[in-house]
N, C-alpha and C. Protein backbone atom coordinates (compact mmCIF):
# COMPACT_ATOMS: atom_id res chain seq x y z
N MET A 1 48.63 -19.75 -38.98
CA MET A 1 49.35 -19.97 -37.77
C MET A 1 49.07 -18.87 -36.75
N ALA A 2 48.83 -17.65 -37.22
CA ALA A 2 48.52 -16.56 -36.31
C ALA A 2 47.21 -16.78 -35.58
N VAL A 3 46.22 -17.38 -36.26
CA VAL A 3 44.96 -17.67 -35.62
C VAL A 3 45.13 -18.71 -34.51
N THR A 4 45.93 -19.75 -34.77
CA THR A 4 46.18 -20.76 -33.76
C THR A 4 46.86 -20.16 -32.55
N ASN A 5 47.82 -19.25 -32.79
CA ASN A 5 48.49 -18.59 -31.71
C ASN A 5 47.51 -17.74 -30.93
N SER A 6 46.60 -17.02 -31.59
CA SER A 6 45.61 -16.21 -30.90
C SER A 6 44.69 -17.08 -30.05
N LEU A 7 44.27 -18.20 -30.59
CA LEU A 7 43.38 -19.10 -29.82
C LEU A 7 44.10 -19.63 -28.57
N GLY A 8 45.38 -19.93 -28.71
CA GLY A 8 46.17 -20.38 -27.57
C GLY A 8 46.30 -19.31 -26.51
N MET A 9 46.46 -18.06 -26.96
CA MET A 9 46.58 -16.95 -26.02
C MET A 9 45.25 -16.72 -25.29
N ILE A 10 44.13 -16.87 -25.99
CA ILE A 10 42.81 -16.74 -25.37
C ILE A 10 42.66 -17.82 -24.31
N ARG A 11 43.03 -19.04 -24.66
CA ARG A 11 42.92 -20.15 -23.71
C ARG A 11 43.76 -19.89 -22.46
N LYS A 12 44.98 -19.45 -22.66
CA LYS A 12 45.87 -19.17 -21.53
C LYS A 12 45.27 -18.07 -20.63
N GLU A 13 44.71 -17.05 -21.25
CA GLU A 13 44.09 -15.98 -20.50
C GLU A 13 42.91 -16.47 -19.70
N LEU A 14 42.05 -17.30 -20.30
CA LEU A 14 40.87 -17.82 -19.62
C LEU A 14 41.27 -18.75 -18.48
N GLU A 15 42.35 -19.48 -18.61
CA GLU A 15 42.79 -20.39 -17.55
C GLU A 15 43.00 -19.64 -16.24
N SER A 16 43.40 -18.38 -16.31
CA SER A 16 43.63 -17.61 -15.09
C SER A 16 42.33 -17.24 -14.38
N TYR A 17 41.19 -17.38 -15.08
CA TYR A 17 39.90 -17.02 -14.49
C TYR A 17 39.07 -18.25 -14.10
N VAL A 18 39.61 -19.44 -14.14
CA VAL A 18 38.89 -20.65 -13.76
C VAL A 18 38.46 -20.52 -12.32
N GLY A 19 37.18 -20.81 -12.04
CA GLY A 19 36.65 -20.68 -10.70
C GLY A 19 36.02 -19.34 -10.39
N GLU A 20 36.20 -18.37 -11.27
CA GLU A 20 35.67 -17.02 -11.06
C GLU A 20 34.27 -16.90 -11.62
N LYS A 21 33.49 -16.02 -11.02
CA LYS A 21 32.15 -15.77 -11.50
C LYS A 21 32.24 -14.82 -12.70
N ILE A 22 31.59 -15.17 -13.78
CA ILE A 22 31.62 -14.33 -14.99
C ILE A 22 30.21 -14.15 -15.55
N LYS A 23 30.10 -13.10 -16.33
CA LYS A 23 28.85 -12.86 -17.07
C LYS A 23 29.17 -13.10 -18.53
N LEU A 24 28.32 -13.86 -19.20
CA LEU A 24 28.58 -14.13 -20.61
C LEU A 24 27.37 -13.66 -21.42
N ARG A 25 27.69 -13.15 -22.57
CA ARG A 25 26.67 -12.74 -23.53
C ARG A 25 26.96 -13.51 -24.81
N ALA A 26 26.02 -14.36 -25.18
CA ALA A 26 26.25 -15.23 -26.33
C ALA A 26 25.25 -14.92 -27.43
N ASN A 27 25.75 -14.81 -28.62
CA ASN A 27 24.93 -14.60 -29.80
C ASN A 27 24.78 -15.97 -30.50
N ARG A 28 23.62 -16.54 -30.41
CA ARG A 28 23.39 -17.86 -31.00
C ARG A 28 22.71 -17.77 -32.36
N GLY A 29 22.77 -16.62 -32.97
CA GLY A 29 22.26 -16.45 -34.34
C GLY A 29 20.79 -16.20 -34.39
N ARG A 30 20.36 -15.60 -35.46
CA ARG A 30 18.94 -15.32 -35.74
C ARG A 30 18.21 -14.67 -34.58
N ARG A 31 18.75 -13.60 -34.11
CA ARG A 31 18.15 -12.81 -33.00
C ARG A 31 18.03 -13.58 -31.71
N LYS A 32 18.87 -14.58 -31.51
CA LYS A 32 18.87 -15.34 -30.27
C LYS A 32 20.13 -15.01 -29.48
N THR A 33 20.00 -14.00 -28.66
CA THR A 33 21.10 -13.59 -27.82
C THR A 33 20.64 -13.77 -26.38
N TYR A 34 21.52 -14.31 -25.56
CA TYR A 34 21.18 -14.43 -24.14
C TYR A 34 22.37 -14.07 -23.27
N GLU A 35 22.02 -13.62 -22.08
CA GLU A 35 23.04 -13.29 -21.09
C GLU A 35 22.85 -14.17 -19.88
N LYS A 36 23.92 -14.73 -19.37
CA LYS A 36 23.89 -15.61 -18.22
C LYS A 36 25.06 -15.26 -17.30
N VAL A 37 24.87 -15.51 -16.02
CA VAL A 37 25.91 -15.37 -15.03
C VAL A 37 26.27 -16.77 -14.56
N GLY A 38 27.56 -17.08 -14.54
CA GLY A 38 27.96 -18.41 -14.12
C GLY A 38 29.41 -18.41 -13.65
N VAL A 39 29.92 -19.60 -13.48
CA VAL A 39 31.30 -19.78 -13.02
C VAL A 39 32.08 -20.46 -14.14
N LEU A 40 33.25 -19.91 -14.48
CA LEU A 40 34.10 -20.56 -15.47
C LEU A 40 34.65 -21.81 -14.82
N GLU A 41 34.13 -22.95 -15.24
CA GLU A 41 34.39 -24.21 -14.55
C GLU A 41 35.72 -24.83 -14.98
N SER A 42 35.99 -24.90 -16.26
CA SER A 42 37.20 -25.52 -16.73
C SER A 42 37.53 -25.14 -18.16
N THR A 43 38.79 -25.34 -18.51
CA THR A 43 39.23 -25.10 -19.88
C THR A 43 39.83 -26.39 -20.42
N TYR A 44 39.61 -26.63 -21.68
CA TYR A 44 40.13 -27.81 -22.36
C TYR A 44 40.85 -27.32 -23.63
N PRO A 45 41.49 -28.22 -24.36
CA PRO A 45 42.25 -27.79 -25.53
C PRO A 45 41.43 -27.04 -26.58
N SER A 46 40.15 -27.39 -26.74
CA SER A 46 39.33 -26.76 -27.78
C SER A 46 38.16 -25.95 -27.24
N ILE A 47 37.74 -26.18 -26.01
CA ILE A 47 36.54 -25.53 -25.47
C ILE A 47 36.78 -25.10 -24.03
N PHE A 48 35.88 -24.24 -23.55
CA PHE A 48 35.80 -23.92 -22.13
C PHE A 48 34.37 -24.09 -21.68
N VAL A 49 34.18 -24.37 -20.38
CA VAL A 49 32.88 -24.71 -19.86
C VAL A 49 32.51 -23.70 -18.78
N VAL A 50 31.26 -23.19 -18.86
CA VAL A 50 30.70 -22.27 -17.88
C VAL A 50 29.52 -22.97 -17.22
N ARG A 51 29.53 -23.02 -15.88
CA ARG A 51 28.42 -23.60 -15.14
C ARG A 51 27.46 -22.50 -14.74
N VAL A 52 26.21 -22.62 -15.14
CA VAL A 52 25.20 -21.64 -14.83
C VAL A 52 24.27 -22.23 -13.78
N ASP A 53 24.19 -21.59 -12.61
CA ASP A 53 23.32 -22.03 -11.53
C ASP A 53 22.32 -20.93 -11.24
N GLU A 54 21.17 -21.00 -11.88
CA GLU A 54 20.10 -20.06 -11.60
C GLU A 54 18.90 -20.88 -11.12
N GLU A 55 17.96 -20.18 -10.57
CA GLU A 55 16.74 -20.86 -10.10
C GLU A 55 16.06 -21.57 -11.29
N ASN A 56 15.83 -22.85 -11.15
CA ASN A 56 15.22 -23.70 -12.17
C ASN A 56 16.06 -23.81 -13.46
N TYR A 57 17.35 -23.51 -13.35
CA TYR A 57 18.20 -23.57 -14.53
C TYR A 57 19.62 -23.88 -14.10
N ASN A 58 19.96 -25.15 -14.06
CA ASN A 58 21.32 -25.59 -13.74
C ASN A 58 21.85 -26.29 -14.96
N GLN A 59 22.86 -25.72 -15.56
CA GLN A 59 23.36 -26.25 -16.83
C GLN A 59 24.82 -25.88 -17.00
N ARG A 60 25.49 -26.68 -17.78
CA ARG A 60 26.87 -26.37 -18.19
C ARG A 60 26.84 -26.01 -19.68
N LEU A 61 27.41 -24.86 -19.98
CA LEU A 61 27.47 -24.39 -21.36
C LEU A 61 28.91 -24.45 -21.83
N SER A 62 29.11 -24.92 -23.04
CA SER A 62 30.48 -24.98 -23.55
C SER A 62 30.58 -24.10 -24.81
N PHE A 63 31.73 -23.47 -24.93
CA PHE A 63 32.01 -22.60 -26.05
C PHE A 63 33.43 -22.85 -26.54
N THR A 64 33.70 -22.52 -27.77
CA THR A 64 35.05 -22.66 -28.30
C THR A 64 35.78 -21.32 -28.13
N TYR A 65 37.08 -21.40 -28.18
CA TYR A 65 37.89 -20.17 -28.10
C TYR A 65 37.67 -19.31 -29.35
N ALA A 66 37.32 -19.94 -30.46
CA ALA A 66 37.00 -19.21 -31.68
C ALA A 66 35.75 -18.36 -31.49
N ASP A 67 34.82 -18.79 -30.64
CA ASP A 67 33.64 -17.98 -30.34
C ASP A 67 34.04 -16.68 -29.70
N VAL A 68 35.03 -16.71 -28.84
CA VAL A 68 35.54 -15.52 -28.19
C VAL A 68 36.27 -14.65 -29.18
N LEU A 69 37.09 -15.29 -30.03
CA LEU A 69 37.87 -14.56 -31.04
C LEU A 69 36.97 -13.81 -32.01
N THR A 70 35.87 -14.44 -32.43
CA THR A 70 34.95 -13.83 -33.39
C THR A 70 33.87 -12.97 -32.71
N GLU A 71 33.98 -12.85 -31.38
CA GLU A 71 33.05 -12.07 -30.57
C GLU A 71 31.63 -12.58 -30.63
N THR A 72 31.45 -13.87 -30.87
CA THR A 72 30.15 -14.50 -30.74
C THR A 72 29.78 -14.61 -29.26
N VAL A 73 30.80 -14.75 -28.43
CA VAL A 73 30.65 -14.78 -26.97
C VAL A 73 31.49 -13.68 -26.37
N GLU A 74 30.88 -12.89 -25.50
CA GLU A 74 31.58 -11.84 -24.76
C GLU A 74 31.58 -12.21 -23.30
N LEU A 75 32.73 -12.11 -22.65
CA LEU A 75 32.86 -12.47 -21.23
C LEU A 75 33.23 -11.23 -20.42
N SER A 76 32.57 -11.10 -19.27
CA SER A 76 32.87 -10.02 -18.34
C SER A 76 33.02 -10.61 -16.94
N LEU A 77 33.95 -10.05 -16.17
CA LEU A 77 34.10 -10.49 -14.77
C LEU A 77 32.92 -9.93 -13.98
N PHE A 78 32.29 -10.76 -13.18
CA PHE A 78 31.10 -10.36 -12.46
C PHE A 78 31.46 -9.53 -11.24
N GLY A 79 32.48 -9.90 -10.52
CA GLY A 79 32.78 -9.25 -9.25
C GLY A 79 33.63 -7.99 -9.36
N ARG A 80 34.12 -7.65 -10.51
CA ARG A 80 35.02 -6.52 -10.67
C ARG A 80 34.38 -5.40 -11.47
N ASP A 81 33.24 -4.94 -11.00
CA ASP A 81 32.52 -3.83 -11.67
C ASP A 81 32.23 -4.13 -13.14
N GLN A 82 31.84 -5.36 -13.42
CA GLN A 82 31.49 -5.77 -14.78
C GLN A 82 32.64 -5.53 -15.75
N GLU A 83 33.84 -5.63 -15.26
CA GLU A 83 35.04 -5.42 -16.07
C GLU A 83 35.09 -6.47 -17.20
N LYS A 84 35.27 -6.04 -18.42
CA LYS A 84 35.34 -6.94 -19.55
C LYS A 84 36.73 -7.62 -19.51
N ILE A 85 36.71 -8.93 -19.73
CA ILE A 85 37.96 -9.68 -19.73
C ILE A 85 38.76 -9.26 -20.96
N ALA A 86 39.97 -8.80 -20.72
CA ALA A 86 40.85 -8.37 -21.82
C ALA A 86 41.55 -9.62 -22.38
N LEU A 87 41.19 -9.98 -23.57
CA LEU A 87 41.79 -11.17 -24.19
C LEU A 87 42.78 -10.75 -25.24
N CYS A 88 43.82 -11.50 -25.32
CA CYS A 88 44.95 -11.15 -26.21
C CYS A 88 44.58 -11.27 -27.70
N GLY A 89 43.56 -12.06 -28.03
CA GLY A 89 43.26 -12.34 -29.42
C GLY A 89 42.59 -11.18 -30.14
N ARG A 90 42.17 -10.16 -29.45
CA ARG A 90 41.43 -9.09 -30.09
C ARG A 90 42.31 -7.97 -30.52
């Protein structure tokens, strides 16, 4: 039950950043880590979506709140001196 509560708290925290420019660092396993800058587009009950608009790369990436909890995905605010988003689940 504590994990479910933590995931809910992470979701609630991310909802306050919808529409903001963020930097994400995702570990996709086996030495596949990438960093992207995008906009937190929306949050859903199980996932959140980041829109990445780079030259020759327009895509929407989705991640689960568990990815944030397990630190597979790290999020930082882009416009606030690369301030790391303080999430309640950690």
